[in-house]
C-alpha atoms as a PDB file:
ATOM      1  CA  MET A   1       0.000   0.000   0.000  1.00  0.00           C
ATOM      2  CA  TYR A   2       1.207   3.486  -0.871  1.00  0.00           C
ATOM      3  CA  THR A   3       1.471   6.504   1.373  1.00  0.00           C
ATOM      4  CA  ILE A   4       0.971   9.696  -0.624  1.00  0.00           C
ATOM      5  CA  VAL A   5       2.278  13.108   0.402  1.00  0.00           C
ATOM      6  CA  THR A   6       1.126  16.146  -1.570  1.00  0.00           C
ATOM      7  CA  GLY A   7       3.320  19.224  -1.370  1.00  0.00           C
ATOM      8  CA  ALA A   8       6.041  16.655  -0.746  1.00  0.00           C
ATOM      9  CA  ALA A   9       8.891  18.867  -1.924  1.00  0.00           C
ATOM     10  CA  GLY A  10       7.646  21.745   0.211  1.00  0.00           C
ATOM     11  CA  PHE A  11       8.388  22.634   3.807  1.00  0.00           C
ATOM     12  CA  ILE A  12       6.077  20.510   5.943  1.00  0.00           C
ATOM     13  CA  GLY A  13       5.584  17.881   3.233  1.00  0.00           C
ATOM     14  CA  SER A  14       9.289  17.077   2.955  1.00  0.00           C
ATOM     15  CA  ASN A  15       9.635  16.894   6.736  1.00  0.00           C
ATOM     16  CA  LEU A  16       6.768  14.388   6.760  1.00  0.00           C
ATOM     17  CA  VAL A  17       8.444  12.295   4.053  1.00  0.00           C
ATOM     18  CA  LYS A  18      11.656  12.241   6.108  1.00  0.00           C
ATOM     19  CA  ALA A  19       9.761  11.365   9.307  1.00  0.00           C
ATOM     20  CA  LEU A  20       7.997   8.501   7.504  1.00  0.00           C
ATOM     21  CA  ASN A  21      11.346   7.267   6.200  1.00  0.00           C
ATOM     22  CA  ASP A  22      12.765   7.369   9.726  1.00  0.00           C
ATOM     23  CA  ARG A  23      10.102   4.901  10.848  1.00  0.00           C
ATOM     24  CA  GLY A  24      10.771   2.623   7.861  1.00  0.00           C
ATOM     25  CA  VAL A  25       8.066   3.805   5.447  1.00  0.00           C
ATOM     26  CA  LYS A  26       9.550   4.146   1.968  1.00  0.00           C
ATOM     27  CA  LYS A  27       6.690   3.252  -0.378  1.00  0.00           C
ATOM     28  CA  ILE A  28       5.848   6.929  -0.698  1.00  0.00           C
ATOM     29  CA  ILE A  29       4.502   8.750  -3.744  1.00  0.00           C
ATOM     30  CA  ALA A  30       5.602  12.374  -3.683  1.00  0.00           C
ATOM     31  CA  VAL A  31       3.187  14.809  -5.319  1.00  0.00           C
ATOM     32  CA  ASP A  32       4.095  18.417  -5.999  1.00  0.00           C
ATOM     33  CA  ASN A  33       4.455  21.208  -8.525  1.00  0.00           C
ATOM     34  CA  LEU A  34       8.122  21.699  -9.333  1.00  0.00           C
ATOM     35  CA  THR A  35       7.678  24.879 -11.350  1.00  0.00           C
ATOM     36  CA  ARG A  36      10.092  26.178  -8.716  1.00  0.00           C
ATOM     37  CA  ALA A  37      12.635  23.457  -9.340  1.00  0.00           C
ATOM     38  CA  ASP A  38      14.902  24.279  -6.390  1.00  0.00           C
ATOM     39  CA  LYS A  39      12.406  22.560  -4.073  1.00  0.00           C
ATOM     40  CA  PHE A  40      13.794  19.195  -5.239  1.00  0.00           C
ATOM     41  CA  ARG A  41      16.635  19.668  -2.736  1.00  0.00           C
ATOM     42  CA  ASN A  42      14.206  18.986   0.109  1.00  0.00           C
ATOM     43  CA  LEU A  43      13.806  15.389  -1.086  1.00  0.00           C
ATOM     44  CA  VAL A  44      17.426  14.532  -1.906  1.00  0.00           C
ATOM     45  CA  ASP A  45      17.956  12.722   1.415  1.00  0.00           C
ATOM     46  CA  CYS A  46      14.503  11.086   1.328  1.00  0.00           C
ATOM     47  CA  GLU A  47      13.333   7.748  -0.065  1.00  0.00           C
ATOM     48  CA  ILE A  48      10.286   7.688  -2.369  1.00  0.00           C
ATOM     49  CA  VAL A  49       9.034   5.264  -5.019  1.00  0.00           C
ATOM     50  CA  ASP A  50       7.608   7.831  -7.433  1.00  0.00           C
ATOM     51  CA  TYR A  51       7.101  11.519  -8.083  1.00  0.00           C
ATOM     52  CA  LEU A  52       3.983  12.904  -9.772  1.00  0.00           C
ATOM     53  CA  ASP A  53       3.049  16.418 -10.762  1.00  0.00           C
ATOM     54  CA  LYS A  54      -0.040  17.584  -8.876  1.00  0.00           C
ATOM     55  CA  GLU A  55      -2.217  17.701 -12.031  1.00  0.00           C
ATOM     56  CA  GLU A  56      -1.079  14.302 -13.280  1.00  0.00           C
ATOM     57  CA  PHE A  57      -1.762  12.849  -9.834  1.00  0.00           C
ATOM     58  CA  ILE A  58      -5.339  14.138  -9.612  1.00  0.00           C
ATOM     59  CA  ALA A  59      -6.048  12.801 -13.127  1.00  0.00           C
ATOM     60  CA  ARG A  60      -4.699   9.359 -12.245  1.00  0.00           C
ATOM     61  CA  LEU A  61      -6.663   9.377  -9.011  1.00  0.00           C
ATOM     62  CA  ALA A  62      -9.897  10.182 -10.854  1.00  0.00           C
ATOM     63  CA  SER A  63      -9.218   7.442 -13.427  1.00  0.00           C
ATOM     64  CA  GLY A  64      -9.164   4.764 -10.699  1.00  0.00           C
ATOM     65  CA  GLN A  65      -5.462   3.977 -10.975  1.00  0.00           C
ATOM     66  CA  PHE A  66      -4.945   4.185  -7.215  1.00  0.00           C
ATOM     67  CA  ASP A  67      -8.162   2.492  -6.103  1.00  0.00           C
ATOM     68  CA  GLY A  68      -7.409  -0.004  -3.330  1.00  0.00           C
ATOM     69  CA  LYS A  69      -3.694   0.823  -3.319  1.00  0.00           C
ATOM     70  CA  VAL A  70      -3.377   3.684  -0.823  1.00  0.00           C
ATOM     71  CA  LYS A  71      -3.114   3.580   2.975  1.00  0.00           C
ATOM     72  CA  ALA A  72      -3.061   7.321   3.650  1.00  0.00           C
ATOM     73  CA  ILE A  73      -2.782  10.732   2.019  1.00  0.00           C
ATOM     74  CA  PHE A  74      -0.991  13.575   3.785  1.00  0.00           C
ATOM     75  CA  HIS A  75      -2.308  16.602   1.920  1.00  0.00           C
ATOM     76  CA  GLU A  76       0.184  19.422   2.505  1.00  0.00           C
ATOM     77  CA  GLY A  77       0.120  20.978  -0.956  1.00  0.00           C
ATOM     78  CA  ALA A  78      -1.313  24.512  -1.072  1.00  0.00           C
ATOM     79  CA  CYS A  79      -0.554  28.100  -1.927  1.00  0.00           C
ATOM     80  CA  SER A  80       0.287  29.566   1.485  1.00  0.00           C
ATOM     81  CA  ASP A  81       1.001  33.139   0.384  1.00  0.00           C
ATOM     82  CA  THR A  82      -1.124  35.329   2.644  1.00  0.00           C
ATOM     83  CA  MET A  83      -0.517  38.296   0.298  1.00  0.00           C
ATOM     84  CA  GLU A  84      -1.845  36.487  -2.807  1.00  0.00           C
ATOM     85  CA  THR A  85      -4.656  38.508  -4.395  1.00  0.00           C
ATOM     86  CA  ASP A  86      -5.747  36.088  -7.146  1.00  0.00           C
ATOM     87  CA  GLY A  87      -8.781  34.600  -5.418  1.00  0.00           C
ATOM     88  CA  ARG A  88      -9.728  32.366  -8.348  1.00  0.00           C
ATOM     89  CA  TYR A  89      -6.322  30.698  -8.282  1.00  0.00           C
ATOM     90  CA  MET A  90      -6.345  30.379  -4.495  1.00  0.00           C
ATOM     91  CA  MET A  91      -9.759  28.732  -4.385  1.00  0.00           C
ATOM     92  CA  GLU A  92      -9.010  26.334  -7.246  1.00  0.00           C
ATOM     93  CA  ASN A  93      -5.635  25.342  -5.815  1.00  0.00           C
ATOM     94  CA  ASN A  94      -6.468  25.205  -2.099  1.00  0.00           C
ATOM     95  CA  PHE A  95     -10.187  24.454  -1.985  1.00  0.00           C
ATOM     96  CA  ARG A  96     -11.338  22.620  -5.121  1.00  0.00           C
ATOM     97  CA  TYR A  97      -8.264  20.375  -5.381  1.00  0.00           C
ATOM     98  CA  SER A  98      -8.566  19.454  -1.694  1.00  0.00           C
ATOM     99  CA  LEU A  99     -12.246  18.637  -2.130  1.00  0.00           C
ATOM    100  CA  GLN A 100     -11.467  16.113  -4.855  1.00  0.00           C
ATOM    101  CA  LEU A 101      -8.975  14.364  -2.571  1.00  0.00           C
ATOM    102  CA  LEU A 102     -11.386  14.391   0.368  1.00  0.00           C
ATOM    103  CA  ASP A 103     -14.227  12.755  -1.540  1.00  0.00           C
ATOM    104  CA  TRP A 104     -11.924  10.108  -2.999  1.00  0.00           C
ATOM    105  CA  CYS A 105     -10.480   9.237   0.425  1.00  0.00           C
ATOM    106  CA  ILE A 106     -13.939   8.880   1.975  1.00  0.00           C
ATOM    107  CA  ALA A 107     -15.087   6.610  -0.852  1.00  0.00           C
ATOM    108  CA  GLN A 108     -11.881   4.533  -0.664  1.00  0.00           C
ATOM    109  CA  ARG A 109     -11.668   4.489   3.159  1.00  0.00           C
ATOM    110  CA  VAL A 110      -8.209   6.030   2.960  1.00  0.00           C
ATOM    111  CA  GLN A 111      -6.820   8.033   5.882  1.00  0.00           C
ATOM    112  CA  PHE A 112      -6.852  11.722   4.953  1.00  0.00           C
ATOM    113  CA  LEU A 113      -4.643  14.048   6.991  1.00  0.00           C
ATOM    114  CA  TYR A 114      -4.506  17.599   5.684  1.00  0.00           C
ATOM    115  CA  ALA A 115      -3.059  21.037   6.327  1.00  0.00           C
ATOM    116  CA  SER A 116      -5.474  23.640   7.564  1.00  0.00           C
ATOM    117  CA  SER A 117      -4.188  26.890   9.072  1.00  0.00           C
ATOM    118  CA  ALA A 118      -4.465  29.222  12.035  1.00  0.00           C
ATOM    119  CA  ALA A 119      -5.205  31.868   9.373  1.00  0.00           C
ATOM    120  CA  THR A 120      -8.811  30.642   9.649  1.00  0.00           C
ATOM    121  CA  TYR A 121      -9.024  32.595  12.936  1.00  0.00           C
ATOM    122  CA  GLY A 122      -7.968  35.905  11.386  1.00  0.00           C
ATOM    123  CA  GLY A 123      -8.252  38.712  13.900  1.00  0.00           C
ATOM    124  CA  SER A 124      -9.897  36.582  16.579  1.00  0.00           C
ATOM    125  CA  SER A 125      -8.461  36.617  20.088  1.00  0.00           C
ATOM    126  CA  VAL A 126      -9.734  33.091  20.809  1.00  0.00           C
ATOM    127  CA  PHE A 127      -8.070  30.207  18.988  1.00  0.00           C
ATOM    128  CA  ARG A 128     -10.437  27.320  19.550  1.00  0.00           C
ATOM    129  CA  GLU A 129     -11.727  25.003  16.821  1.00  0.00           C
ATOM    130  CA  GLU A 130     -15.233  26.435  16.785  1.00  0.00           C
ATOM    131  CA  ARG A 131     -17.098  28.313  14.069  1.00  0.00           C
ATOM    132  CA  GLU A 132     -17.793  31.411  16.177  1.00  0.00           C
ATOM    133  CA  PHE A 133     -14.071  32.211  16.464  1.00  0.00           C
ATOM    134  CA  GLU A 134     -13.253  31.882  12.757  1.00  0.00           C
ATOM    135  CA  ALA A 135     -12.939  35.092  10.721  1.00  0.00           C
ATOM    136  CA  PRO A 136     -10.137  34.927   8.103  1.00  0.00           C
ATOM    137  CA  LEU A 137      -8.504  38.193   7.041  1.00  0.00           C
ATOM    138  CA  ASN A 138      -7.316  37.166   3.554  1.00  0.00           C
ATOM    139  CA  VAL A 139      -8.271  34.828   0.716  1.00  0.00           C
ATOM    140  CA  TYR A 140      -5.675  32.269   1.793  1.00  0.00           C
ATOM    141  CA  GLY A 141      -7.326  32.032   5.202  1.00  0.00           C
ATOM    142  CA  TYR A 142     -10.739  31.908   3.556  1.00  0.00           C
ATOM    143  CA  SER A 143      -9.710  28.999   1.288  1.00  0.00           C
ATOM    144  CA  LYS A 144      -8.675  26.996   4.358  1.00  0.00           C
ATOM    145  CA  PHE A 145     -11.708  28.091   6.339  1.00  0.00           C
ATOM    146  CA  LEU A 146     -14.143  27.032   3.616  1.00  0.00           C
ATOM    147  CA  PHE A 147     -12.549  23.613   3.228  1.00  0.00           C
ATOM    148  CA  ASP A 148     -12.770  23.088   6.993  1.00  0.00           C
ATOM    149  CA  GLN A 149     -16.501  23.815   6.775  1.00  0.00           C
ATOM    150  CA  ILE A 150     -16.923  21.131   4.114  1.00  0.00           C
ATOM    151  CA  VAL A 151     -14.934  18.707   6.240  1.00  0.00           C
ATOM    152  CA  ARG A 152     -17.314  19.331   9.136  1.00  0.00           C
ATOM    153  CA  GLN A 153     -20.222  18.507   6.845  1.00  0.00           C
ATOM    154  CA  ARG A 154     -18.534  15.320   5.596  1.00  0.00           C
ATOM    155  CA  LEU A 155     -17.377  13.994   8.980  1.00  0.00           C
ATOM    156  CA  PRO A 156     -20.592  12.066   9.776  1.00  0.00           C
ATOM    157  CA  GLN A 157     -20.426  10.359   6.379  1.00  0.00           C
ATOM    158  CA  ALA A 158     -16.739   9.573   6.874  1.00  0.00           C
ATOM    159  CA  ARG A 159     -17.296   8.101  10.335  1.00  0.00           C
ATOM    160  CA  GLY A 160     -20.122   5.957   8.980  1.00  0.00           C
ATOM    161  CA  ASN A 161     -17.738   4.733   6.293  1.00  0.00           C
ATOM    162  CA  ASN A 162     -14.875   4.110   8.759  1.00  0.00           C
ATOM    163  CA  SER A 163     -12.831   6.810   7.036  1.00  0.00           C
ATOM    164  CA  GLN A 164     -10.450   9.046   8.966  1.00  0.00           C
ATOM    165  CA  ILE A 165     -10.307  12.783   8.239  1.00  0.00           C
ATOM    166  CA  VAL A 166      -7.936  14.963  10.261  1.00  0.00           C
ATOM    167  CA  GLY A 167      -7.258  18.657   9.674  1.00  0.00           C
ATOM    168  CA  PHE A 168      -4.347  20.422  11.359  1.00  0.00           C
ATOM    169  CA  ARG A 169      -4.573  24.141  11.982  1.00  0.00           C
ATOM    170  CA  TYR A 170      -0.897  24.956  11.791  1.00  0.00           C
ATOM    171  CA  PHE A 171       0.238  27.988  13.727  1.00  0.00           C
ATOM    172  CA  ASN A 172       3.643  29.592  13.005  1.00  0.00           C
ATOM    173  CA  VAL A 173       5.718  26.646  11.854  1.00  0.00           C
ATOM    174  CA  TYR A 174       9.488  27.006  11.501  1.00  0.00           C
ATOM    175  CA  GLY A 175      12.395  24.663  10.937  1.00  0.00           C
ATOM    176  CA  PRO A 176      14.471  22.772   8.352  1.00  0.00           C
ATOM    177  CA  ARG A 177      13.610  22.576   4.630  1.00  0.00           C
ATOM    178  CA  GLU A 178      11.867  25.932   4.222  1.00  0.00           C
ATOM    179  CA  SER A 179      14.516  28.011   2.436  1.00  0.00           C
ATOM    180  CA  HIS A 180      12.730  27.677  -0.950  1.00  0.00           C
ATOM    181  CA  LYS A 181       9.792  29.688   0.417  1.00  0.00           C
ATOM    182  CA  GLY A 182      11.614  33.003   0.068  1.00  0.00           C
ATOM    183  CA  ARG A 183       9.714  35.844   1.747  1.00  0.00           C
ATOM    184  CA  MET A 184       7.087  33.341   2.989  1.00  0.00           C
ATOM    185  CA  ALA A 185       9.678  31.406   5.006  1.00  0.00           C
ATOM    186  CA  SER A 186       9.445  31.681   8.781  1.00  0.00           C
ATOM    187  CA  VAL A 187      10.656  34.662  10.756  1.00  0.00           C
ATOM    188  CA  ALA A 188      13.223  32.356  12.379  1.00  0.00           C
ATOM    189  CA  PHE A 189      14.724  31.650   8.946  1.00  0.00           C
ATOM    190  CA  HIS A 190      14.887  35.347   8.072  1.00  0.00           C
ATOM    191  CA  HIS A 191      16.419  36.221  11.435  1.00  0.00           C
ATOM    192  CA  TYR A 192      19.219  33.730  10.853  1.00  0.00           C
ATOM    193  CA  ASN A 193      20.018  35.188   7.429  1.00  0.00           C
ATOM    194  CA  GLN A 194      19.800  38.774   8.682  1.00  0.00           C
ATOM    195  CA  PHE A 195      22.244  38.069  11.477  1.00  0.00           C
ATOM    196  CA  ARG A 196      24.626  36.220   9.195  1.00  0.00           C
ATOM    197  CA  ALA A 197      24.593  39.064   6.633  1.00  0.00           C
ATOM    198  CA  ASP A 198      24.339  42.191   8.837  1.00  0.00           C
ATOM    199  CA  HIS A 199      25.201  40.977  12.342  1.00  0.00           C
ATOM    200  CA  LYS A 200      21.800  42.220  13.522  1.00  0.00           C
ATOM    201  CA  VAL A 201      18.147  41.158  13.524  1.00  0.00           C
ATOM    202  CA  LYS A 202      15.329  43.561  12.667  1.00  0.00           C
ATOM    203  CA  LEU A 203      11.906  43.511  14.333  1.00  0.00           C
ATOM    204  CA  PHE A 204       8.771  45.572  13.820  1.00  0.00           C
ATOM    205  CA  GLU A 205       8.035  48.375  16.200  1.00  0.00           C
ATOM    206  CA  GLY A 206       4.937  48.013  18.356  1.00  0.00           C
ATOM    207  CA  CYS A 207       1.390  47.887  16.985  1.00  0.00           C
ATOM    208  CA  ASP A 208      -2.099  47.059  18.246  1.00  0.00           C
ATOM    209  CA  GLY A 209      -1.098  48.155  21.731  1.00  0.00           C
ATOM    210  CA  TYR A 210       2.008  45.962  21.884  1.00  0.00           C
ATOM    211  CA  ALA A 211       5.442  47.358  22.707  1.00  0.00           C
ATOM    212  CA  HIS A 212       8.313  47.056  20.243  1.00  0.00           C
ATOM    213  CA  GLY A 213       8.883  43.389  19.373  1.00  0.00           C
ATOM    214  CA  GLU A 214       6.314  42.251  21.912  1.00  0.00           C
ATOM    215  CA  GLN A 215       3.728  40.979  19.427  1.00  0.00           C
ATOM    216  CA  LYS A 216       3.316  37.296  20.284  1.00  0.00           C
ATOM    217  CA  ARG A 217       2.822  34.218  18.156  1.00  0.00           C
ATOM    218  CA  ASP A 218       2.547  30.504  18.760  1.00  0.00           C
ATOM    219  CA  PHE A 219       5.796  29.367  17.130  1.00  0.00           C
ATOM    220  CA  VAL A 220       5.851  25.588  16.569  1.00  0.00           C
ATOM    221  CA  TYR A 221       8.875  23.566  15.463  1.00  0.00           C
ATOM    222  CA  VAL A 222       8.359  21.479  12.344  1.00  0.00           C
ATOM    223  CA  GLY A 223       9.700  18.376  14.061  1.00  0.00           C
ATOM    224  CA  ASP A 224       6.763  18.558  16.468  1.00  0.00           C
ATOM    225  CA  VAL A 225       4.366  19.069  13.543  1.00  0.00           C
ATOM    226  CA  ALA A 226       5.602  15.818  11.989  1.00  0.00           C
ATOM    227  CA  LYS A 227       5.194  13.967  15.297  1.00  0.00           C
ATOM    228  CA  VAL A 228       1.557  15.047  15.637  1.00  0.00           C
ATOM    229  CA  ASN A 229       0.789  14.002  12.060  1.00  0.00           C
ATOM    230  CA  LEU A 230       2.260  10.552  12.662  1.00  0.00           C
ATOM    231  CA  PHE A 231       0.366  10.189  15.952  1.00  0.00           C
ATOM    232  CA  PHE A 232      -2.922  10.536  14.075  1.00  0.00           C
ATOM    233  CA  LEU A 233      -1.702   8.199  11.342  1.00  0.00           C
ATOM    234  CA  ASP A 234      -1.294   5.625  14.120  1.00  0.00           C
ATOM    235  CA  HIS A 235      -4.825   6.354  15.417  1.00  0.00           C
ATOM    236  CA  PRO A 236      -7.122   5.983  12.409  1.00  0.00           C
ATOM    237  CA  GLU A 237     -10.142   5.863  14.699  1.00  0.00           C
ATOM    238  CA  THR A 238      -9.744   9.568  15.524  1.00  0.00           C
ATOM    239  CA  SER A 239     -11.048  12.293  13.218  1.00  0.00           C
ATOM    240  CA  GLY A 240     -11.621  16.038  13.476  1.00  0.00           C
ATOM    241  CA  ILE A 241     -10.009  19.433  13.095  1.00  0.00           C
ATOM    242  CA  PHE A 242      -7.239  20.185  15.585  1.00  0.00           C
ATOM    243  CA  ASN A 243      -5.026  23.134  16.429  1.00  0.00           C
ATOM    244  CA  LEU A 244      -1.359  22.357  15.955  1.00  0.00           C
ATOM    245  CA  GLY A 245       0.737  24.823  17.881  1.00  0.00           C
ATOM    246  CA  THR A 246       2.499  24.685  21.218  1.00  0.00           C
ATOM    247  CA  GLY A 247      -0.263  26.307  23.263  1.00  0.00           C
ATOM    248  CA  ARG A 248       2.361  28.884  24.230  1.00  0.00           C
ATOM    249  CA  ALA A 249       2.585  32.441  22.865  1.00  0.00           C
ATOM    250  CA  GLN A 250       6.131  33.836  22.732  1.00  0.00           C
ATOM    251  CA  SER A 251       7.211  37.281  21.582  1.00  0.00           C
ATOM    252  CA  PHE A 252       9.228  38.191  18.512  1.00  0.00           C
ATOM    253  CA  ASN A 253      11.781  39.577  20.969  1.00  0.00           C
ATOM    254  CA  GLU A 254      12.168  36.093  22.434  1.00  0.00           C
ATOM    255  CA  LEU A 255      12.441  34.574  18.964  1.00  0.00           C
ATOM    256  CA  ALA A 256      15.105  37.080  17.890  1.00  0.00           C
ATOM    257  CA  ALA A 257      17.089  36.684  21.109  1.00  0.00           C
ATOM    258  CA  ALA A 258      17.039  32.890  20.726  1.00  0.00           C
ATOM    259  CA  ASN A 259      18.300  33.202  17.170  1.00  0.00           C
ATOM    260  CA  VAL A 260      21.066  35.678  17.955  1.00  0.00           C
ATOM    261  CA  ASN A 261      22.216  33.699  20.991  1.00  0.00           C
ATOM    262  CA  SER A 262      22.190  30.442  19.006  1.00  0.00           C
ATOM    263  CA  CYS A 263      24.312  32.076  16.297  1.00  0.00           C
ATOM    264  CA  ARG A 264      26.666  33.458  18.941  1.00  0.00           C
ATOM    265  CA  ALA A 265      26.941  30.010  20.533  1.00  0.00           C
ATOM    266  CA  LEU A 266      28.243  28.626  17.234  1.00  0.00           C
ATOM    267  CA  ARG A 267      31.184  31.001  17.649  1.00  0.00           C
ATOM    268  CA  GLY A 268      31.706  30.119  21.292  1.00  0.00           C
ATOM    269  CA  GLU A 269      30.188  33.389  22.550  1.00  0.00           C
ATOM    270  CA  THR A 270      28.099  33.601  25.697  1.00  0.00           C
ATOM    271  CA  LYS A 271      24.329  33.983  25.904  1.00  0.00           C
ATOM    272  CA  GLN A 272      23.082  37.532  26.510  1.00  0.00           C
ATOM    273  CA  SER A 273      19.806  39.053  27.666  1.00  0.00           C
ATOM    274  CA  LEU A 274      17.451  40.946  25.354  1.00  0.00           C
ATOM    275  CA  ASP A 275      18.516  44.270  26.916  1.00  0.00           C
ATOM    276  CA  GLU A 276      22.170  43.477  26.294  1.00  0.00           C
ATOM    277  CA  LEU A 277      21.475  42.474  22.686  1.00  0.00           C
ATOM    278  CA  LEU A 278      19.545  45.728  22.126  1.00  0.00           C
ATOM    279  CA  LYS A 279      22.318  47.854  23.662  1.00  0.00           C
ATOM    280  CA  GLN A 280      24.869  46.271  21.326  1.00  0.00           C
ATOM    281  CA  GLY A 281      22.668  46.854  18.284  1.00  0.00           C
ATOM    282  CA  LEU A 282      22.314  43.115  17.616  1.00  0.00           C
ATOM    283  CA  ILE A 283      18.526  43.548  17.620  1.00  0.00           C
ATOM    284  CA  GLU A 284      16.868  46.716  16.307  1.00  0.00           C
ATOM    285  CA  TYR A 285      13.327  47.866  15.580  1.00  0.00           C
ATOM    286  CA  VAL A 286      11.973  49.138  12.245  1.00  0.00           C
ATOM    287  CA  PRO A 287       8.662  50.922  11.492  1.00  0.00           C
ATOM    288  CA  PHE A 288       5.591  48.726  11.197  1.00  0.00           C
ATOM    289  CA  PRO A 289       4.622  48.428   7.476  1.00  0.00           C
ATOM    290  CA  ASP A 290       1.465  50.255   6.437  1.00  0.00           C
ATOM    291  CA  ALA A 291       0.653  47.396   4.025  1.00  0.00           C
ATOM    292  CA  LEU A 292       0.172  45.037   6.980  1.00  0.00           C
ATOM    293  CA  ARG A 293      -2.099  47.214   9.080  1.00  0.00           C
ATOM    294  CA  GLY A 294      -5.454  45.505   9.569  1.00  0.00           C
ATOM    295  CA  LYS A 295      -4.071  42.247   8.134  1.00  0.00           C
ATOM    296  CA  TYR A 296      -1.649  41.281  10.868  1.00  0.00           C
ATOM    297  CA  GLN A 297      -2.132  38.853  13.719  1.00  0.00           C
ATOM    298  CA  SER A 298      -0.402  40.458  16.708  1.00  0.00           C
ATOM    299  CA  PHE A 299      -1.263  37.556  18.996  1.00  0.00           C
ATOM    300  CA  THR A 300      -1.847  33.854  18.410  1.00  0.00           C
ATOM    301  CA  GLN A 301      -1.921  30.981  20.870  1.00  0.00           C
ATOM    302  CA  ALA A 302      -3.337  27.583  20.046  1.00  0.00           C
ATOM    303  CA  ASP A 303      -5.919  26.165  22.403  1.00  0.00           C
ATOM    304  CA  LEU A 304      -4.707  22.556  22.698  1.00  0.00           C
ATOM    305  CA  THR A 305      -7.665  21.230  24.690  1.00  0.00           C
ATOM    306  CA  LYS A 306      -9.029  19.219  21.781  1.00  0.00           C
ATOM    307  CA  LEU A 307      -5.607  17.874  20.733  1.00  0.00           C
ATOM    308  CA  ARG A 308      -4.798  16.738  24.267  1.00  0.00           C
ATOM    309  CA  LYS A 309      -8.229  15.158  24.637  1.00  0.00           C
ATOM    310  CA  ALA A 310      -7.514  13.152  21.477  1.00  0.00           C
ATOM    311  CA  GLY A 311      -4.568  11.583  23.309  1.00  0.00           C
ATOM    312  CA  TYR A 312      -1.527  13.521  22.110  1.00  0.00           C
ATOM    313  CA  ASP A 313       0.370  14.242  25.314  1.00  0.00           C
ATOM    314  CA  ALA A 314       3.972  14.868  24.184  1.00  0.00           C
ATOM    315  CA  PRO A 315       5.589  18.229  25.043  1.00  0.00           C
ATOM    316  CA  PHE A 316       6.313  20.852  22.372  1.00  0.00           C
ATOM    317  CA  ALA A 317       9.686  22.538  21.934  1.00  0.00           C
ATOM    318  CA  THR A 318      10.009  26.087  23.240  1.00  0.00           C
ATOM    319  CA  VAL A 319      11.318  28.796  20.916  1.00  0.00           C
ATOM    320  CA  GLU A 320      14.694  28.539  22.647  1.00  0.00           C
ATOM    321  CA  GLU A 321      14.883  24.776  22.109  1.00  0.00           C
ATOM    322  CA  GLY A 322      13.556  24.734  18.558  1.00  0.00           C
ATOM    323  CA  VAL A 323      15.581  27.698  17.298  1.00  0.00           C
ATOM    324  CA  SER A 324      18.793  26.288  18.748  1.00  0.00           C
ATOM    325  CA  GLU A 325      18.281  23.048  16.830  1.00  0.00           C
ATOM    326  CA  TYR A 326      17.226  24.905  13.690  1.00  0.00           C
ATOM    327  CA  VAL A 327      20.240  27.241  13.684  1.00  0.00           C
ATOM    328  CA  GLN A 328      22.557  24.234  13.925  1.00  0.00           C
ATOM    329  CA  TRP A 329      20.758  22.657  10.952  1.00  0.00           C
ATOM    330  CA  LEU A 330      20.999  25.887   8.942  1.00  0.00           C
ATOM    331  CA  LYS A 331      24.742  26.125   9.632  1.00  0.00           C
ATOM    332  CA  ASP A 332      25.193  22.635   8.209  1.00  0.00           C
ATOM    333  CA  HIS A 333      22.831  22.938   5.218  1.00  0.00           C
ATOM    334  CA  VAL A 334      22.552  26.539   3.988  1.00  0.00           C
END
């Protein structure tokens, strides 16, 4: 039986392929769009049995070629650009394509684990998997939000058919294999490159009542994201939509300080406090961009009640732990 990963050459998809390999799963079909060919590097150290373009894959799926041959689909492929303004493209790529996979998996009784997003919450101050707290601020968030609504409608049918559907509302994911994302890569990635190039990290000044650099996000390490995905793969009896963050909001100041101190540690230099890093000019603040006003989440923190109730009880890496590991990986790979 095949395991299929869409968006397999992307950030989370390639980490899932590697995590599956690490547990001995190698009969993996990687599905992606390699118009940006440099993404292939994410799969060089991974084992797969085939690669299919996303359009060829959906055509083969519809033709019946994979009927009875698939154990699970990890659907990570999507346009994740929150600044994308082509709504027709976004809805076709993120919503319609996902819907075709969902219906096929229900009919085939194939485990379907897919990427949703914390962008479904938009400007909400409550991050709980309930309709009343969902108010996306951009068409990317809306594409994920709408698919989640369809999933909620299909869940009774799926349960009656013994089909698993699991959606993961990813918060701010960072970690290895994201360099191809360019400006859409994590803040942790950009901090590392800023410090390497300019020996300083830049943060936005305060907004929405927050002091400089004190906007807070739920930053989750990609290694933990892979672990949660595999937990649900091992529990096909559990379905639903779940937040996937740490349940802990940490400031951009903390993220920057962790990055700078991890870079300093590589050179044998001692850890310093935020105040000391600011005094030395190793962290500085820049004006908040007008283009982001009204479209920016100044605070996110996943409510993990539902995830914990489903049985996932492992701890999540703090920013300090995750960034330290990530910086070491970047030193060795970038």
